[in-house]
Amino acid sequence: MFERTLGRFRSLIRSGEYLLSIHALEEMAEDDVLTENVENVILTGGIVERQIDRATRERKYVFLGRDLAGGPIGVVAKIGAVGKVVVLTVYREETS
């Protein structure tokens, strides 16, 4: 469903054209998630949802994937105005 968008995100991640928001960095520190894990989620995981901001009409995407140790991670990201990926938040998925 989001194959073209996913391809664009992956291409930008591979070329290092991404930014981590302050909020994402704080959440990564809190959940002990490394930058490499965020990259891995976008490179090997999938987009499970598209969200549209009501005020700005910006599209952001929810990715689910695995960290390098195999744990489930969620990433919310968008393509920013300058054409780079902007990682908005990162979280560990709850496991039952």
N, C-alpha and C. Protein backbone atom coordinates (compact mmCIF):
# COMPACT_ATOMS: atom_id res chain seq x y z
N MET A 1 0.81 -1.19 0.00
CA MET A 1 0.00 0.00 0.00
C MET A 1 0.87 1.27 0.00
N PHE A 2 1.97 1.25 0.76
CA PHE A 2 2.85 2.42 0.85
C PHE A 2 4.22 2.13 0.23
N GLU A 3 4.27 1.27 -0.78
CA GLU A 3 5.55 0.82 -1.32
C GLU A 3 6.42 1.97 -1.83
N ARG A 4 5.84 2.90 -2.57
CA ARG A 4 6.63 4.01 -3.12
C ARG A 4 7.17 4.90 -2.00
N THR A 5 6.32 5.19 -1.03
CA THR A 5 6.73 6.01 0.11
C THR A 5 7.83 5.30 0.91
N LEU A 6 7.64 4.01 1.14
CA LEU A 6 8.63 3.23 1.87
C LEU A 6 9.97 3.25 1.14
N GLY A 7 9.94 3.11 -0.17
CA GLY A 7 11.17 3.17 -0.97
C GLY A 7 11.88 4.50 -0.83
N ARG A 8 11.11 5.58 -0.79
CA ARG A 8 11.72 6.92 -0.63
C ARG A 8 12.37 7.05 0.74
N PHE A 9 11.65 6.61 1.80
CA PHE A 9 12.23 6.66 3.15
C PHE A 9 13.52 5.85 3.20
N ARG A 10 13.50 4.65 2.65
CA ARG A 10 14.69 3.79 2.70
C ARG A 10 15.87 4.39 1.96
N SER A 11 15.61 4.98 0.81
CA SER A 11 16.68 5.61 0.05
C SER A 11 17.31 6.75 0.84
N LEU A 12 16.49 7.57 1.48
CA LEU A 12 17.00 8.68 2.28
C LEU A 12 17.79 8.20 3.49
N ILE A 13 17.32 7.14 4.14
CA ILE A 13 18.03 6.58 5.29
C ILE A 13 19.39 6.03 4.84
N ARG A 14 19.40 5.29 3.73
CA ARG A 14 20.66 4.72 3.23
C ARG A 14 21.69 5.80 2.93
N SER A 15 21.24 6.95 2.44
CA SER A 15 22.18 8.03 2.10
C SER A 15 22.44 8.97 3.28
N GLY A 16 21.90 8.63 4.46
CA GLY A 16 22.17 9.42 5.66
C GLY A 16 21.43 10.74 5.72
N GLU A 17 20.40 10.87 4.92
CA GLU A 17 19.64 12.12 4.87
C GLU A 17 18.44 12.05 5.80
N TYR A 18 18.74 12.11 7.09
CA TYR A 18 17.68 12.09 8.09
C TYR A 18 18.10 12.87 9.32
N LEU A 19 17.10 13.30 10.05
CA LEU A 19 17.30 14.04 11.31
C LEU A 19 16.49 13.36 12.39
N LEU A 20 17.01 13.40 13.60
CA LEU A 20 16.28 12.89 14.77
C LEU A 20 15.80 14.10 15.57
N SER A 21 14.51 14.19 15.80
CA SER A 21 13.99 15.31 16.59
C SER A 21 14.46 15.18 18.04
N ILE A 22 14.41 16.27 18.75
CA ILE A 22 14.76 16.24 20.18
C ILE A 22 13.87 15.25 20.92
N HIS A 23 12.58 15.26 20.58
CA HIS A 23 11.66 14.31 21.22
C HIS A 23 12.09 12.87 20.93
N ALA A 24 12.44 12.58 19.68
CA ALA A 24 12.88 11.23 19.33
C ALA A 24 14.13 10.84 20.12
N LEU A 25 15.10 11.76 20.23
CA LEU A 25 16.32 11.48 20.98
C LEU A 25 16.02 11.21 22.46
N GLU A 26 15.09 11.97 23.03
CA GLU A 26 14.71 11.75 24.43
C GLU A 26 14.06 10.38 24.60
N GLU A 27 13.16 10.03 23.70
CA GLU A 27 12.50 8.73 23.78
C GLU A 27 13.49 7.58 23.55
N MET A 28 14.42 7.77 22.64
CA MET A 28 15.43 6.75 22.39
C MET A 28 16.27 6.52 23.64
N ALA A 29 16.65 7.59 24.32
CA ALA A 29 17.45 7.47 25.55
C ALA A 29 16.64 6.76 26.63
N GLU A 30 15.38 7.13 26.74
CA GLU A 30 14.52 6.53 27.77
C GLU A 30 14.30 5.03 27.54
N ASP A 31 14.17 4.64 26.27
CA ASP A 31 13.89 3.23 25.93
C ASP A 31 15.13 2.46 25.51
N ASP A 32 16.32 3.09 25.63
CA ASP A 32 17.59 2.45 25.29
C ASP A 32 17.59 1.95 23.84
N VAL A 33 17.26 2.85 22.91
CA VAL A 33 17.24 2.55 21.48
C VAL A 33 18.36 3.32 20.81
N LEU A 34 19.17 2.65 20.03
CA LEU A 34 20.28 3.27 19.31
C LEU A 34 19.83 3.77 17.94
N THR A 35 20.58 4.71 17.40
CA THR A 35 20.30 5.23 16.06
C THR A 35 20.28 4.10 15.03
N GLU A 36 21.18 3.15 15.17
CA GLU A 36 21.23 2.02 14.24
C GLU A 36 19.93 1.23 14.25
N ASN A 37 19.28 1.17 15.41
CA ASN A 37 18.01 0.46 15.50
C ASN A 37 16.90 1.21 14.77
N VAL A 38 16.92 2.54 14.85
CA VAL A 38 15.93 3.35 14.13
C VAL A 38 16.12 3.13 12.63
N GLU A 39 17.37 3.17 12.18
CA GLU A 39 17.66 2.93 10.76
C GLU A 39 17.16 1.55 10.35
N ASN A 40 17.41 0.55 11.17
CA ASN A 40 17.01 -0.82 10.86
C ASN A 40 15.49 -0.95 10.72
N VAL A 41 14.75 -0.29 11.59
CA VAL A 41 13.28 -0.35 11.52
C VAL A 41 12.80 0.17 10.18
N ILE A 42 13.35 1.30 9.74
CA ILE A 42 12.89 1.88 8.47
C ILE A 42 13.39 1.05 7.29
N LEU A 43 14.60 0.51 7.38
CA LEU A 43 15.16 -0.26 6.27
C LEU A 43 14.55 -1.65 6.12
N THR A 44 14.12 -2.25 7.22
CA THR A 44 13.64 -3.64 7.14
C THR A 44 12.20 -3.83 7.60
N GLY A 45 11.65 -2.83 8.28
CA GLY A 45 10.27 -2.94 8.76
C GLY A 45 9.29 -2.45 7.71
N GLY A 46 8.11 -2.12 8.16
CA GLY A 46 7.08 -1.67 7.23
C GLY A 46 6.29 -0.51 7.78
N ILE A 47 5.61 0.17 6.88
CA ILE A 47 4.70 1.24 7.28
C ILE A 47 3.36 0.61 7.60
N VAL A 48 2.86 0.87 8.80
CA VAL A 48 1.58 0.28 9.20
C VAL A 48 0.45 1.30 9.23
N GLU A 49 0.80 2.59 9.17
CA GLU A 49 -0.24 3.61 9.23
C GLU A 49 0.29 4.94 8.70
N ARG A 50 -0.59 5.68 8.05
CA ARG A 50 -0.29 7.06 7.68
C ARG A 50 -1.20 7.95 8.49
N GLN A 51 -0.64 8.99 9.08
CA GLN A 51 -1.41 9.94 9.87
C GLN A 51 -1.28 11.31 9.21
N ILE A 52 -2.36 12.09 9.25
CA ILE A 52 -2.34 13.44 8.69
C ILE A 52 -2.64 14.43 9.81
N ASP A 53 -1.70 15.37 9.99
CA ASP A 53 -1.87 16.40 11.01
C ASP A 53 -3.04 17.30 10.62
N ARG A 54 -3.96 17.50 11.53
CA ARG A 54 -5.16 18.30 11.22
C ARG A 54 -4.84 19.75 10.94
N ALA A 55 -3.87 20.31 11.65
CA ALA A 55 -3.56 21.73 11.50
C ALA A 55 -2.70 21.99 10.26
N THR A 56 -1.63 21.21 10.09
CA THR A 56 -0.67 21.49 9.01
C THR A 56 -0.91 20.65 7.76
N ARG A 57 -1.72 19.61 7.87
CA ARG A 57 -1.99 18.68 6.77
C ARG A 57 -0.75 17.86 6.38
N GLU A 58 0.29 17.87 7.22
CA GLU A 58 1.49 17.08 6.95
C GLU A 58 1.19 15.60 7.15
N ARG A 59 1.84 14.80 6.33
CA ARG A 59 1.70 13.34 6.47
C ARG A 59 2.87 12.80 7.27
N LYS A 60 2.55 11.94 8.21
CA LYS A 60 3.60 11.24 8.94
C LYS A 60 3.25 9.76 8.92
N TYR A 61 4.25 8.93 9.06
CA TYR A 61 4.09 7.50 8.88
C TYR A 61 4.58 6.75 10.11
N VAL A 62 3.84 5.71 10.46
CA VAL A 62 4.19 4.85 11.59
C VAL A 62 4.83 3.59 11.01
N PHE A 63 6.08 3.35 11.42
CA PHE A 63 6.83 2.16 11.01
C PHE A 63 6.88 1.18 12.18
N LEU A 64 6.77 -0.08 11.89
CA LEU A 64 7.01 -1.12 12.89
C LEU A 64 8.08 -2.05 12.34
N GLY A 65 9.02 -2.40 13.20
CA GLY A 65 10.09 -3.29 12.79
C GLY A 65 10.82 -3.82 14.02
N ARG A 66 12.02 -4.28 13.80
CA ARG A 66 12.82 -4.90 14.87
C ARG A 66 14.13 -4.16 15.05
N ASP A 67 14.58 -4.11 16.31
CA ASP A 67 15.92 -3.58 16.54
C ASP A 67 16.93 -4.67 16.17
N LEU A 68 18.20 -4.38 16.29
CA LEU A 68 19.22 -5.34 15.87
C LEU A 68 19.25 -6.59 16.75
N ALA A 69 18.66 -6.52 17.93
CA ALA A 69 18.57 -7.69 18.81
C ALA A 69 17.25 -8.44 18.62
N GLY A 70 16.40 -7.95 17.73
CA GLY A 70 15.14 -8.64 17.44
C GLY A 70 13.93 -8.11 18.19
N GLY A 71 14.10 -7.09 19.03
CA GLY A 71 12.98 -6.53 19.78
C GLY A 71 12.12 -5.62 18.92
N PRO A 72 10.82 -5.57 19.18
CA PRO A 72 9.92 -4.74 18.38
C PRO A 72 10.05 -3.25 18.70
N ILE A 73 10.16 -2.44 17.66
CA ILE A 73 10.33 -0.99 17.78
C ILE A 73 9.34 -0.30 16.85
N GLY A 74 8.79 0.82 17.32
CA GLY A 74 7.96 1.67 16.49
C GLY A 74 8.67 2.99 16.24
N VAL A 75 8.51 3.52 15.04
CA VAL A 75 9.11 4.80 14.66
C VAL A 75 8.04 5.61 13.94
N VAL A 76 7.92 6.88 14.29
CA VAL A 76 7.03 7.78 13.57
C VAL A 76 7.92 8.81 12.88
N ALA A 77 7.76 8.94 11.56
CA ALA A 77 8.63 9.82 10.78
C ALA A 77 7.86 10.46 9.64
N LYS A 78 8.46 11.51 9.10
CA LYS A 78 7.88 12.20 7.94
C LYS A 78 9.02 12.64 7.04
N ILE A 79 8.67 13.03 5.82
CA ILE A 79 9.64 13.67 4.94
C ILE A 79 9.49 15.16 5.18
N GLY A 80 10.55 15.80 5.63
CA GLY A 80 10.50 17.22 5.98
C GLY A 80 10.52 18.12 4.76
N ALA A 81 10.40 19.41 5.02
CA ALA A 81 10.35 20.42 3.96
C ALA A 81 11.61 20.45 3.10
N VAL A 82 12.75 20.08 3.68
CA VAL A 82 14.00 20.10 2.92
C VAL A 82 14.30 18.74 2.26
N GLY A 83 13.34 17.83 2.33
CA GLY A 83 13.49 16.54 1.67
C GLY A 83 14.22 15.48 2.45
N LYS A 84 14.46 15.72 3.73
CA LYS A 84 15.10 14.71 4.58
C LYS A 84 14.04 14.02 5.43
N VAL A 85 14.35 12.81 5.86
CA VAL A 85 13.48 12.12 6.82
C VAL A 85 13.64 12.81 8.17
N VAL A 86 12.53 13.07 8.81
CA VAL A 86 12.54 13.61 10.17
C VAL A 86 11.89 12.56 11.06
N VAL A 87 12.68 11.98 11.97
CA VAL A 87 12.15 11.01 12.92
C VAL A 87 11.55 11.79 14.07
N LEU A 88 10.24 11.62 14.26
CA LEU A 88 9.51 12.39 15.26
C LEU A 88 9.50 11.74 16.63
N THR A 89 9.34 10.43 16.66
CA THR A 89 9.37 9.71 17.94
C THR A 89 9.73 8.25 17.69
N VAL A 90 10.18 7.61 18.74
CA VAL A 90 10.61 6.22 18.71
C VAL A 90 10.08 5.57 19.99
N TYR A 91 9.63 4.33 19.89
CA TYR A 91 9.12 3.64 21.08
C TYR A 91 9.30 2.14 20.93
N ARG A 92 9.45 1.51 22.08
CA ARG A 92 9.48 0.04 22.12
C ARG A 92 8.05 -0.47 22.14
N GLU A 93 7.75 -1.42 21.30
CA GLU A 93 6.44 -2.03 21.28
C GLU A 93 6.29 -2.94 22.51
N GLU A 94 5.14 -2.93 23.08
CA GLU A 94 4.86 -3.83 24.22
C GLU A 94 4.78 -5.26 23.73
N THR A 95 5.40 -6.17 24.46
CA THR A 95 5.30 -7.60 24.14
C THR A 95 4.52 -8.27 25.25
N SER A 96 3.68 -9.18 24.82
CA SER A 96 2.83 -9.87 25.81
C SER A 96 3.47 -11.15 26.27
